[in-house]
Protein backbone atom coordinates (compact mmCIF):
# COMPACT_ATOMS: atom_id res chain seq x y z
CA UNK A 1 -19.43 -3.92 -11.29
CA UNK A 2 -16.91 -3.92 -14.21
CA UNK A 3 -13.95 -2.65 -12.97
CA UNK A 4 -10.49 -1.24 -15.08
CA UNK A 5 -7.74 -1.13 -12.89
CA UNK A 6 -4.63 1.23 -14.84
CA UNK A 7 -1.25 0.35 -13.30
CA UNK A 8 -2.99 -3.46 -12.24
CA UNK A 9 0.14 -4.96 -12.60
CA UNK A 10 2.12 -2.65 -10.40
CA UNK A 11 2.96 -2.41 -6.87
CA UNK A 12 -0.57 -0.94 -5.71
CA UNK A 13 -2.68 -1.63 -8.62
CA UNK A 14 -2.22 -5.64 -8.13
CA UNK A 15 -3.16 -5.48 -4.57
CA UNK A 16 -6.17 -3.72 -5.36
CA UNK A 17 -7.12 -5.70 -8.21
CA UNK A 18 -6.83 -8.90 -5.97
CA UNK A 19 -9.12 -7.01 -3.20
CA UNK A 20 -11.80 -6.19 -5.49
CA UNK A 21 -12.46 -10.06 -6.63
CA UNK A 22 -14.57 -11.76 -6.76
CA UNK A 23 -17.14 -9.24 -6.19
CA UNK A 24 -16.27 -7.04 -9.14
CA UNK A 25 -15.39 -8.16 -12.58
CA UNK A 26 -11.84 -6.70 -12.98
CA UNK A 27 -9.64 -5.96 -16.12
CA UNK A 28 -6.25 -4.58 -15.93
CA UNK A 29 -4.46 -2.22 -18.33
CA UNK A 30 -0.80 -2.12 -18.01
CA UNK A 31 2.17 -1.69 -20.42
CA UNK A 32 4.28 -3.94 -17.58
CA UNK A 33 7.22 -1.19 -18.19
CA UNK A 34 7.72 -2.12 -14.26
CA UNK A 35 4.59 -4.01 -13.48
CA UNK A 36 4.72 -7.72 -13.82
CA UNK A 37 1.89 -10.06 -15.33
CA UNK A 38 2.64 -12.85 -12.50
CA UNK A 39 1.20 -9.93 -10.02
CA UNK A 40 -2.22 -10.22 -11.75
CA UNK A 41 -4.39 -13.19 -10.93
CA UNK A 42 -4.74 -15.52 -13.98
CA UNK A 43 -8.41 -14.95 -14.33
CA UNK A 44 -7.97 -11.20 -14.90
CA UNK A 45 -7.63 -10.18 -18.22
CA UNK A 46 -4.64 -8.02 -19.11
CA UNK A 47 -4.96 -5.62 -21.73
CA UNK A 48 -1.02 -4.24 -22.46
CA UNK A 49 -1.67 -0.82 -23.30
CA UNK A 50 0.70 1.83 -23.10
CA UNK A 51 -1.55 4.98 -22.29
CA UNK A 52 0.91 6.94 -24.28
CA UNK A 53 -0.66 4.85 -27.43
CA UNK A 54 -3.95 7.01 -28.02
CA UNK A 55 -5.09 4.39 -30.49
CA UNK A 56 -4.51 1.57 -28.68
CA UNK A 57 -6.20 2.99 -26.04
CA UNK A 58 -9.44 4.10 -28.26
CA UNK A 59 -10.03 0.51 -29.43
CA UNK A 60 -10.06 -0.88 -25.53
CA UNK A 61 -12.62 1.97 -24.79
CA UNK A 62 -14.56 0.68 -28.37
CA UNK A 63 -14.63 -3.29 -27.07
CA UNK A 64 -14.89 -3.02 -23.66
CA UNK A 65 -17.12 -1.05 -21.09
CA UNK A 66 -16.74 -0.01 -17.35
CA UNK A 67 -18.38 1.03 -14.53
CA UNK A 68 -15.44 2.18 -12.48
CA UNK A 69 -11.66 3.14 -13.48
CA UNK A 70 -9.07 3.14 -10.68
CA UNK A 71 -6.53 5.26 -12.40
CA UNK A 72 -3.15 4.26 -10.87
CA UNK A 73 -0.78 4.10 -13.60
CA UNK A 74 1.84 6.56 -13.60
CA UNK A 75 5.41 7.95 -13.39
CA UNK A 76 5.85 8.13 -10.07
CA UNK A 77 9.29 8.87 -9.26
CA UNK A 78 9.86 12.73 -8.36
CA UNK A 79 13.82 12.65 -9.07
CA UNK A 80 13.13 11.05 -12.72
CA UNK A 81 10.41 14.29 -13.18
CA UNK A 82 13.08 16.74 -12.52
CA UNK A 83 15.48 15.60 -14.63
CA UNK A 84 13.05 14.73 -17.45
CA UNK A 85 9.81 16.47 -16.94
CA UNK A 86 8.80 16.06 -20.85
CA UNK A 87 8.76 12.11 -20.01
CA UNK A 88 6.95 12.64 -16.71
CA UNK A 89 4.25 14.75 -18.45
CA UNK A 90 3.51 12.16 -21.54
CA UNK A 91 3.31 9.72 -18.99
CA UNK A 92 0.96 11.33 -15.99
CA UNK A 93 -0.59 14.22 -18.33
CA UNK A 94 -0.91 13.01 -21.77
CA UNK A 95 -1.47 9.11 -20.90
CA UNK A 96 -4.58 10.41 -18.67
CA UNK A 97 -5.91 12.54 -21.29
CA UNK A 98 -5.96 9.76 -23.86
CA UNK A 99 -7.91 7.67 -20.79
CA UNK A 100 -10.21 10.50 -20.38
CA UNK A 101 -10.75 11.32 -24.03
CA UNK A 102 -11.54 7.44 -24.56
CA UNK A 103 -13.51 6.56 -21.51
CA UNK A 104 -15.78 10.15 -21.50
CA UNK A 105 -18.96 8.61 -23.70
CA UNK A 106 -18.84 5.48 -21.16
CA UNK A 107 -19.68 7.85 -18.05
CA UNK A 108 -17.77 5.58 -15.81
CA UNK A 109 -16.78 6.84 -12.03
CA UNK A 110 -12.84 7.53 -12.06
CA UNK A 111 -11.24 7.12 -9.04
CA UNK A 112 -7.75 8.73 -9.07
CA UNK A 113 -4.57 8.01 -7.63
CA UNK A 114 -2.77 11.18 -7.00
CA UNK A 115 -0.10 12.32 -4.34
CA UNK A 116 -0.29 13.74 -0.87
CA UNK A 117 3.28 14.76 -0.86
CA UNK A 118 4.31 16.35 -3.69
CA UNK A 119 1.36 17.99 -4.64
CA UNK A 120 1.16 20.44 -1.15
CA UNK A 121 4.75 21.57 -1.43
CA UNK A 122 6.59 22.40 1.69
CA UNK A 123 4.75 23.30 5.02
CA UNK A 124 5.26 23.55 8.59
CA UNK A 125 1.38 22.44 9.33
CA UNK A 126 1.44 18.76 9.60
CA UNK A 127 -0.34 16.85 9.31
CA UNK A 128 -1.89 18.67 6.06
CA UNK A 129 -5.46 18.47 5.30
CA UNK A 130 -7.33 18.98 1.79
CA UNK A 131 -7.97 22.30 2.13
CA UNK A 132 -4.10 23.18 2.11
CA UNK A 133 -3.13 25.38 -0.55
CA UNK A 134 -1.29 22.81 -3.46
CA UNK A 135 2.10 24.31 -4.22
CA UNK A 136 3.98 21.46 -5.93
CA UNK A 137 7.81 22.01 -6.36
CA UNK A 138 8.29 18.88 -8.96
CA UNK A 139 7.45 18.50 -12.57
CA UNK A 140 5.51 14.94 -10.64
CA UNK A 141 3.45 17.21 -8.43
CA UNK A 142 2.64 19.77 -11.42
CA UNK A 143 1.33 16.71 -13.28
CA UNK A 144 -0.55 15.31 -10.69
CA UNK A 145 -1.98 18.61 -9.54
CA UNK A 146 -2.72 18.86 -13.19
CA UNK A 147 -4.34 15.83 -13.25
CA UNK A 148 -6.89 16.50 -11.03
CA UNK A 149 -7.92 19.64 -12.91
CA UNK A 150 -8.26 17.47 -16.00
CA UNK A 151 -10.14 14.72 -14.35
CA UNK A 152 -12.28 17.70 -12.58
CA UNK A 153 -13.16 19.26 -15.90
CA UNK A 154 -13.89 16.24 -17.69
CA UNK A 155 -16.47 14.76 -14.93
CA UNK A 156 -18.25 18.11 -14.79
CA UNK A 157 -18.41 18.87 -18.50
CA UNK A 158 -19.11 15.25 -19.60
CA UNK A 159 -21.13 14.10 -16.82
CA UNK A 160 -19.24 11.22 -14.92
CA UNK A 161 -18.30 10.94 -11.09
CA UNK A 162 -14.82 11.45 -9.90
CA UNK A 163 -12.92 10.80 -6.63
CA UNK A 164 -9.35 12.04 -5.86
CA UNK A 165 -6.87 9.98 -3.78
CA UNK A 166 -4.13 12.03 -2.24
CA UNK A 167 -1.77 9.01 -1.29
CA UNK A 168 1.19 9.14 1.09
CA UNK A 169 4.10 7.16 1.05
CA UNK A 170 2.90 3.79 0.34
CA UNK A 171 5.03 0.80 0.99
CA UNK A 172 4.51 -2.98 1.25
CA UNK A 173 5.29 -6.79 -0.86
CA UNK A 174 6.04 -6.22 -4.51
CA UNK A 175 7.14 -2.61 -4.39
CA UNK A 176 9.89 -2.27 -7.07
CA UNK A 177 13.57 -2.06 -5.37
CA UNK A 178 15.25 -1.30 -8.31
CA UNK A 179 13.94 2.54 -8.92
CA UNK A 180 14.38 5.95 -7.11
CA UNK A 181 10.96 5.80 -5.91
CA UNK A 182 9.94 3.71 -2.75
CA UNK A 183 12.86 3.83 -0.43
CA UNK A 184 11.40 0.88 2.15
CA UNK A 185 11.57 -1.34 -0.78
CA UNK A 186 14.76 -0.07 -1.68
CA UNK A 187 16.70 -0.29 1.87
CA UNK A 188 15.20 -3.61 2.23
CA UNK A 189 16.34 -5.24 -0.92
CA UNK A 190 19.53 -3.46 -0.33
CA UNK A 191 19.89 -4.93 3.38
CA UNK A 192 19.16 -8.20 1.84
CA UNK A 193 21.48 -8.31 -0.52
CA UNK A 194 24.13 -6.95 1.41
CA UNK A 195 24.88 -3.52 -0.14
CA UNK A 196 25.10 -0.32 1.59
CA UNK A 197 22.05 2.17 1.53
CA UNK A 198 22.07 4.99 0.12
CA UNK A 199 20.55 8.19 1.92
CA UNK A 200 20.43 11.30 0.08
CA UNK A 201 20.71 14.43 2.58
CA UNK A 202 21.02 14.08 6.30
CA UNK A 203 18.42 11.61 6.52
CA UNK A 204 16.53 13.69 9.07
CA UNK A 205 13.92 14.35 6.51
CA UNK A 206 10.21 12.80 7.34
CA UNK A 207 7.51 10.93 5.34
CA UNK A 208 4.08 9.68 6.14
CA UNK A 209 4.69 5.92 5.51
CA UNK A 210 1.32 3.92 4.58
CA UNK A 211 0.88 0.24 4.34
CA UNK A 212 -0.24 -1.07 0.88
CA UNK A 213 -2.98 -2.97 2.77
CA UNK A 214 -4.14 0.83 4.47
CA UNK A 215 -4.38 1.88 0.78
CA UNK A 216 -6.25 -0.68 -0.65
CA UNK A 217 -8.98 -0.57 1.96
CA UNK A 218 -9.04 3.38 1.13
CA UNK A 219 -9.98 2.46 -2.50
CA UNK A 220 -12.56 -0.24 -1.32
CA UNK A 221 -13.96 2.20 1.31
CA UNK A 222 -14.60 4.67 -1.46
CA UNK A 223 -16.54 2.57 -3.47
CA UNK A 224 -18.91 1.52 -0.73
CA UNK A 225 -20.01 4.89 -0.20
CA UNK A 226 -20.63 6.51 -3.85
CA UNK A 227 -22.97 9.41 -2.50
CA UNK A 228 -20.45 10.46 0.15
CA UNK A 229 -17.12 10.09 -1.97
CA UNK A 230 -18.19 10.93 -5.51
CA UNK A 231 -16.78 14.45 -6.44
CA UNK A 232 -14.47 14.63 -3.35
CA UNK A 233 -10.56 15.05 -2.60
CA UNK A 234 -9.68 12.33 0.22
CA UNK A 235 -6.35 11.91 1.66
CA UNK A 236 -5.23 8.93 2.47
CA UNK A 237 -2.24 8.61 5.13
CA UNK A 238 -1.25 7.99 8.65
CA UNK A 239 -0.94 11.64 9.88
CA UNK A 240 2.31 10.24 11.20
CA UNK A 241 5.86 11.47 10.27
CA UNK A 242 8.92 9.09 10.42
CA UNK A 243 12.45 10.55 9.62
CA UNK A 244 14.47 8.45 6.88
CA UNK A 245 17.31 7.67 9.42
CA UNK A 246 14.49 6.11 11.85
CA UNK A 247 12.98 4.02 9.09
CA UNK A 248 16.62 2.75 8.11
CA UNK A 249 17.21 1.78 12.00
CA UNK A 250 13.81 -0.24 12.31
CA UNK A 251 14.43 -2.04 8.97
CA UNK A 252 18.18 -2.87 10.42
CA UNK A 253 16.42 -4.10 13.75
CA UNK A 254 13.42 -6.46 11.61
CA UNK A 255 16.27 -7.91 9.44
CA UNK A 256 19.02 -8.39 11.79
CA UNK A 257 21.39 -6.74 8.95
CA UNK A 258 23.46 -3.82 9.51
CA UNK A 259 25.48 -1.40 7.19
CA UNK A 260 26.76 1.93 7.55
CA UNK A 261 24.59 4.23 5.18
CA UNK A 262 26.20 5.93 2.50
CA UNK A 263 25.26 9.79 2.58
CA UNK A 264 25.00 11.46 -0.54
CA UNK A 265 23.72 15.12 -1.85
CA UNK A 266 20.19 15.72 -1.36
CA UNK A 267 17.83 15.32 -4.68
CA UNK A 268 16.42 18.65 -5.95
CA UNK A 269 12.49 18.66 -5.82
CA UNK A 270 12.31 16.50 -2.64
CA UNK A 271 10.16 17.76 0.29
CA UNK A 272 11.93 18.31 3.68
CA UNK A 273 8.91 17.12 5.66
CA UNK A 274 5.30 15.99 4.94
CA UNK A 275 2.31 13.92 6.74
CA UNK A 276 -1.48 13.95 5.80
CA UNK A 277 -4.44 14.00 7.77
CA UNK A 278 -7.04 11.50 6.74
CA UNK A 279 -9.60 12.99 9.10
CA UNK A 280 -11.89 13.61 5.99
CA UNK A 281 -11.83 10.14 4.50
CA UNK A 282 -12.41 8.92 7.79
CA UNK A 283 -15.48 11.06 8.15
CA UNK A 284 -16.53 9.77 5.02
CA UNK A 285 -16.42 6.13 4.87
CA UNK A 286 -15.03 5.19 8.62
CA UNK A 287 -12.19 4.26 6.97
CA UNK A 288 -8.87 4.41 9.20
CA UNK A 289 -5.18 3.07 8.81
CA UNK A 290 -4.83 0.04 10.62
CA UNK A 291 -1.57 -1.47 9.94
CA UNK A 292 1.21 0.32 12.40
CA UNK A 293 4.57 0.64 10.72
CA UNK A 294 6.32 -1.74 12.63
CA UNK A 295 4.07 -4.32 11.54
CA UNK A 296 3.98 -3.43 7.81
CA UNK A 297 7.72 -3.16 7.91
CA UNK A 298 8.11 -6.95 9.19
CA UNK A 299 5.50 -8.09 6.55
CA UNK A 300 7.18 -6.04 4.03
CA UNK A 301 10.72 -7.29 4.83
CA UNK A 302 9.36 -10.95 5.28
CA UNK A 303 8.13 -10.89 1.52
CA UNK A 304 11.05 -9.28 0.00
CA UNK A 305 13.20 -12.15 2.12
CA UNK A 306 10.91 -14.90 0.86
CA UNK A 307 11.14 -13.58 -2.95
CA UNK A 308 14.98 -12.93 -2.43
CA UNK A 309 15.72 -16.29 -1.34
CA UNK A 310 13.61 -18.02 -3.85
CA UNK A 311 15.52 -16.60 -6.95
């Protein structure tokens, strides 16, 4: 099949692009604002387009046709969305609408990377299933929920299949350590460079950390079982909670480096606790996360150390 991966030069997208080869013909759409061209296999065509540029998106779909679109391109930082909700909406809502409007005549299968944390809001009932009410507390979560609703509307109105994947906190090699999102990448990079780690709040907030390889396997499992996955919404998580403090202690042990963390005031819009129940995706496809946190963190730290020492 011909597959387009938006955000395919970025963290998750580049791993997915590699995994789709050679079974499929893959193209990447990325504006390279955070993604890197060197993350993409040389044989994969790169369309350097910003989804906010409606004319450029339309030109792409006038010349190229795709069977599946994995939509991963996004503004992914909750804190940025709180500080600049208009900018967040331009990328995560208007950019998505440009994609849907341009692609709708091709009737592709749209697989949307949504959020499994920010979209549900705070809840004591963990891990959360897909039936839990969606009560996003940040503009990022609101935009992702709007994206889900728009995709459902376009799919039903213009008769193309769709699947929504609500991702937990994904980590792994190639994650950007210089933004505000991606605590594993940020902590690892700061440890390796001898800088103190900043922890917002008391550090006892918990997240469901899932290794990027398991997320890619979930994406592949979805397209292998279209009759069971089209029109559905699935959580992609481990169901396990890990506190930010515990995460930092594990990374200290793995890297052999230790610096007293700086505790800063908590950031508005961030959840206190989150974990996702992936049972529905398991029932539909047989998928389950395979990489334990300790192993995933070791692999991530090793990749970061290799990159760090090569620069």
